[in-house]
């Protein structure tokens, strides 16, 4: 059995693809999905996995620390940021940057993630002057906690996170993607761990994850081929 670790953004996608890989090849894959910060830390601290799938900047960090094999790296999917509100709430206008800024300014609290989408959203909010001294409270979800959870708990009025992490979550409504002027696509990449004893098997699985054969599955999970 191949073992792997990923962030929560690709959890459902990888679970489906791991099952499909087993049906296709007879080889099983067990991928643990946790918060991206926690996953990166575990690999940095020496925990062994055959396959690692994380945001590309985290993969770069692991390559620099010699925790993954950079020659095995493949870009797997791209994931855009979406905007959501609590279920039953009026849907704000998000047609352009100005509309989103107005919607955020009217909210009592806005939520963003601890992952790569959150880094981008934080920069946008800082540019708008909304991270301090305004009536809008800015809340970063703790590592491993989805922004949808903050929305469902009534802790924020509007939230930003990877579309794949907001899909099919009860208690929220996805308004739509961030408009192009402030959108950011996170690329999630995969690589073989340096300690794997099954490098060929890991490489074959990673190549399949990046192949056109599974493009439709990626689309169903709100992602695109990288």
Protein backbone atom coordinates (compact mmCIF):
# COMPACT_ATOMS: atom_id res chain seq x y z
CA UNK A 1 0.00 0.00 0.00
CA UNK A 2 1.20 3.47 -0.88
CA UNK A 3 0.88 6.01 1.90
CA UNK A 4 0.42 9.73 1.38
CA UNK A 5 -0.40 13.01 3.05
CA UNK A 6 -2.21 16.04 1.66
CA UNK A 7 -3.89 19.25 2.73
CA UNK A 8 -7.65 19.45 3.15
CA UNK A 9 -8.15 21.29 -0.14
CA UNK A 10 -7.54 18.10 -2.15
CA UNK A 11 -9.03 15.65 0.36
CA UNK A 12 -12.18 14.63 -1.52
CA UNK A 13 -10.46 14.65 -4.90
CA UNK A 14 -7.64 12.39 -3.74
CA UNK A 15 -10.00 10.05 -1.91
CA UNK A 16 -11.93 9.46 -5.14
CA UNK A 17 -8.78 9.12 -7.22
CA UNK A 18 -7.19 6.70 -4.74
CA UNK A 19 -10.26 4.45 -5.07
CA UNK A 20 -10.13 4.76 -8.86
CA UNK A 21 -6.42 3.88 -8.87
CA UNK A 22 -7.10 0.73 -6.88
CA UNK A 23 -9.85 -0.27 -9.32
CA UNK A 24 -7.53 0.46 -12.24
CA UNK A 25 -4.36 -1.24 -10.97
CA UNK A 26 -5.30 -3.30 -7.92
CA UNK A 27 -2.83 -1.27 -5.84
CA UNK A 28 -4.18 0.52 -2.79
CA UNK A 29 -3.34 4.07 -1.71
CA UNK A 30 -4.07 5.53 1.74
CA UNK A 31 -3.84 9.32 1.84
CA UNK A 32 -4.27 11.22 5.10
CA UNK A 33 -5.63 14.74 4.66
CA UNK A 34 -4.94 17.35 7.34
CA UNK A 35 -4.35 21.07 7.49
CA UNK A 36 -1.65 22.13 5.05
CA UNK A 37 0.52 23.69 7.77
CA UNK A 38 0.34 20.49 9.84
CA UNK A 39 1.09 18.29 6.83
CA UNK A 40 4.13 20.34 5.88
CA UNK A 41 5.42 20.28 9.45
CA UNK A 42 5.04 16.53 9.75
CA UNK A 43 7.03 15.91 6.58
CA UNK A 44 9.67 18.46 7.58
CA UNK A 45 10.05 16.70 10.92
CA UNK A 46 10.82 13.43 9.18
CA UNK A 47 7.53 11.53 9.04
CA UNK A 48 7.71 9.12 6.14
CA UNK A 49 5.20 9.05 3.27
CA UNK A 50 5.41 7.56 -0.20
CA UNK A 51 3.51 10.50 -1.73
CA UNK A 52 3.06 14.12 -0.62
CA UNK A 53 0.44 16.41 -2.22
CA UNK A 54 0.47 20.05 -1.08
CA UNK A 55 0.37 23.60 -2.41
CA UNK A 56 3.33 24.22 -4.70
CA UNK A 57 5.06 26.60 -2.27
CA UNK A 58 4.95 23.93 0.44
CA UNK A 59 6.37 21.36 -1.99
CA UNK A 60 9.17 23.82 -2.79
CA UNK A 61 9.87 24.16 0.93
CA UNK A 62 10.02 20.40 1.37
CA UNK A 63 12.33 20.07 -1.65
CA UNK A 64 14.69 22.68 -0.18
CA UNK A 65 14.73 20.68 3.07
CA UNK A 66 15.42 17.44 1.14
CA UNK A 67 12.18 15.83 2.37
CA UNK A 68 10.75 15.08 -1.07
CA UNK A 69 12.40 14.05 -4.34
CA UNK A 70 12.19 17.14 -6.58
CA UNK A 71 12.73 15.06 -9.72
CA UNK A 72 9.44 13.27 -9.00
CA UNK A 73 7.39 16.47 -8.70
CA UNK A 74 4.27 16.91 -10.83
CA UNK A 75 1.71 19.73 -10.83
CA UNK A 76 -1.69 18.11 -10.30
CA UNK A 77 -4.49 20.68 -10.04
CA UNK A 78 -5.23 24.37 -9.89
CA UNK A 79 -7.79 25.63 -7.38
CA UNK A 80 -9.50 29.04 -7.38
CA UNK A 81 -10.80 30.96 -4.38
CA UNK A 82 -14.55 31.21 -3.85
CA UNK A 83 -16.73 33.43 -1.69
CA UNK A 84 -19.42 32.03 0.60
CA UNK A 85 -22.00 33.23 3.12
CA UNK A 86 -24.13 31.51 5.72
CA UNK A 87 -27.02 29.51 4.34
CA UNK A 88 -30.14 31.66 4.00
CA UNK A 89 -28.21 34.94 4.00
CA UNK A 90 -28.72 37.43 1.16
CA UNK A 91 -26.18 36.91 -1.60
CA UNK A 92 -23.82 39.88 -1.93
CA UNK A 93 -22.81 41.40 -5.24
CA UNK A 94 -19.35 40.05 -6.15
CA UNK A 95 -19.24 41.05 -9.81
CA UNK A 96 -15.96 42.98 -9.46
CA UNK A 97 -13.34 44.03 -6.93
CA UNK A 98 -15.26 47.11 -5.82
CA UNK A 99 -18.40 45.08 -5.17
CA UNK A 100 -16.50 42.52 -3.09
CA UNK A 101 -14.81 45.29 -1.12
CA UNK A 102 -18.21 46.83 -0.40
CA UNK A 103 -19.60 43.43 0.69
CA UNK A 104 -16.67 42.90 3.03
CA UNK A 105 -17.06 46.41 4.42
CA UNK A 106 -20.72 45.75 5.26
CA UNK A 107 -19.93 42.47 7.03
CA UNK A 108 -19.40 42.42 10.77
CA UNK A 109 -16.79 39.67 10.37
CA UNK A 110 -14.96 38.12 7.42
CA UNK A 111 -13.19 34.76 7.46
CA UNK A 112 -10.22 33.42 5.55
CA UNK A 113 -8.10 30.29 5.77
CA UNK A 114 -4.64 29.51 7.12
CA UNK A 115 -3.71 28.02 3.74
CA UNK A 116 -2.45 29.61 0.52
CA UNK A 117 -5.84 31.13 -0.31
CA UNK A 118 -5.80 32.85 3.08
CA UNK A 119 -2.38 34.36 2.41
CA UNK A 120 -3.71 35.92 -0.78
CA UNK A 121 -6.98 37.10 0.80
CA UNK A 122 -5.09 38.66 3.70
CA UNK A 123 -2.99 40.67 1.25
CA UNK A 124 -6.12 41.87 -0.54
CA UNK A 125 -7.72 42.90 2.74
CA UNK A 126 -4.53 44.72 3.78
CA UNK A 127 -4.50 46.58 0.47
CA UNK A 128 -8.08 47.61 1.14
CA UNK A 129 -7.12 48.81 4.61
CA UNK A 130 -9.44 46.33 6.30
CA UNK A 131 -7.12 44.45 8.63
CA UNK A 132 -7.04 46.95 11.46
CA UNK A 133 -8.96 49.92 12.74
CA UNK A 134 -12.16 49.18 10.81
CA UNK A 135 -15.58 47.99 11.90
CA UNK A 136 -15.09 44.71 10.03
CA UNK A 137 -13.55 41.97 12.15
CA UNK A 138 -11.06 39.80 10.25
CA UNK A 139 -10.91 36.17 11.40
CA UNK A 140 -8.38 33.59 10.29
CA UNK A 141 -9.61 30.02 10.65
CA UNK A 142 -7.22 27.91 12.76
CA UNK A 143 -5.11 25.39 10.81
CA UNK A 144 -7.27 22.45 9.75
CA UNK A 145 -10.56 24.31 10.41
CA UNK A 146 -12.54 25.10 7.25
CA UNK A 147 -13.81 28.64 6.72
CA UNK A 148 -17.22 26.99 6.16
CA UNK A 149 -17.18 26.02 9.84
CA UNK A 150 -16.82 29.68 10.85
CA UNK A 151 -19.75 30.56 8.61
CA UNK A 152 -21.96 27.75 9.88
CA UNK A 153 -21.18 28.73 13.50
CA UNK A 154 -22.20 32.33 12.78
CA UNK A 155 -18.68 33.52 13.63
CA UNK A 156 -18.27 35.33 10.29
CA UNK A 157 -20.70 36.72 7.72
CA UNK A 158 -18.65 36.16 4.60
CA UNK A 159 -15.78 33.76 3.95
CA UNK A 160 -13.06 33.10 1.39
CA UNK A 161 -11.43 29.73 0.70
CA UNK A 162 -10.58 27.26 -2.04
CA UNK A 163 -13.75 26.39 -3.95
CA UNK A 164 -13.10 22.67 -3.40
CA UNK A 165 -13.20 23.16 0.39
CA UNK A 166 -16.51 25.03 0.29
CA UNK A 167 -18.33 22.60 -2.02
CA UNK A 168 -21.09 20.39 -0.62
CA UNK A 169 -20.89 21.84 2.90
CA UNK A 170 -24.14 22.17 4.83
CA UNK A 171 -25.06 25.52 6.34
CA UNK A 172 -23.38 27.75 3.76
CA UNK A 173 -24.05 29.10 0.28
CA UNK A 174 -21.29 29.58 -2.26
CA UNK A 175 -21.83 32.96 -3.92
CA UNK A 176 -19.24 32.36 -6.63
CA UNK A 177 -15.55 32.75 -7.45
CA UNK A 178 -13.58 35.85 -6.59
CA UNK A 179 -13.62 38.22 -9.57
CA UNK A 180 -10.62 38.02 -11.91
CA UNK A 181 -8.97 41.22 -10.65
CA UNK A 182 -8.47 39.70 -7.18
CA UNK A 183 -8.54 35.98 -7.97
CA UNK A 184 -5.57 33.72 -7.25
CA UNK A 185 -5.19 30.14 -8.42
CA UNK A 186 -3.28 27.83 -6.09
CA UNK A 187 -1.41 24.99 -7.80
CA UNK A 188 -1.27 21.76 -5.83
CA UNK A 189 1.67 19.54 -6.64
CA UNK A 190 2.74 16.06 -5.68
CA UNK A 191 6.09 14.39 -5.14
CA UNK A 192 7.56 11.20 -3.77
CA UNK A 193 8.95 11.27 -0.25
CA UNK A 194 12.72 10.82 -0.07
CA UNK A 195 12.38 7.82 2.25
CA UNK A 196 9.91 5.86 0.11
CA UNK A 197 10.87 2.32 -0.72
CA UNK A 198 8.27 2.31 -3.50
CA UNK A 199 9.46 5.16 -5.66
CA UNK A 200 8.37 3.61 -8.98
CA UNK A 201 4.87 2.96 -7.67
CA UNK A 202 4.67 6.45 -6.20
CA UNK A 203 5.87 7.97 -9.47
CA UNK A 204 3.30 6.01 -11.47
CA UNK A 205 0.48 7.16 -9.20
CA UNK A 206 1.63 10.79 -9.36
CA UNK A 207 1.88 10.69 -13.15
CA UNK A 208 -1.68 9.38 -13.32
CA UNK A 209 -2.90 12.15 -10.99
CA UNK A 210 -1.47 14.68 -13.43
CA UNK A 211 -2.83 12.96 -16.54
CA UNK A 212 -5.70 13.98 -18.80
CA UNK A 213 -7.43 10.71 -17.89
CA UNK A 214 -8.68 12.17 -14.60
CA UNK A 215 -9.46 15.71 -15.78
CA UNK A 216 -13.23 15.24 -15.50
CA UNK A 217 -12.88 14.14 -11.87
CA UNK A 218 -10.93 17.30 -11.10
CA UNK A 219 -13.64 19.46 -12.64
CA UNK A 220 -16.31 17.77 -10.55
CA UNK A 221 -14.36 18.72 -7.45
CA UNK A 222 -14.12 22.37 -8.47
CA UNK A 223 -10.56 22.22 -9.76
CA UNK A 224 -8.74 22.36 -13.06
CA UNK A 225 -5.75 20.50 -14.45
CA UNK A 226 -2.52 22.30 -13.62
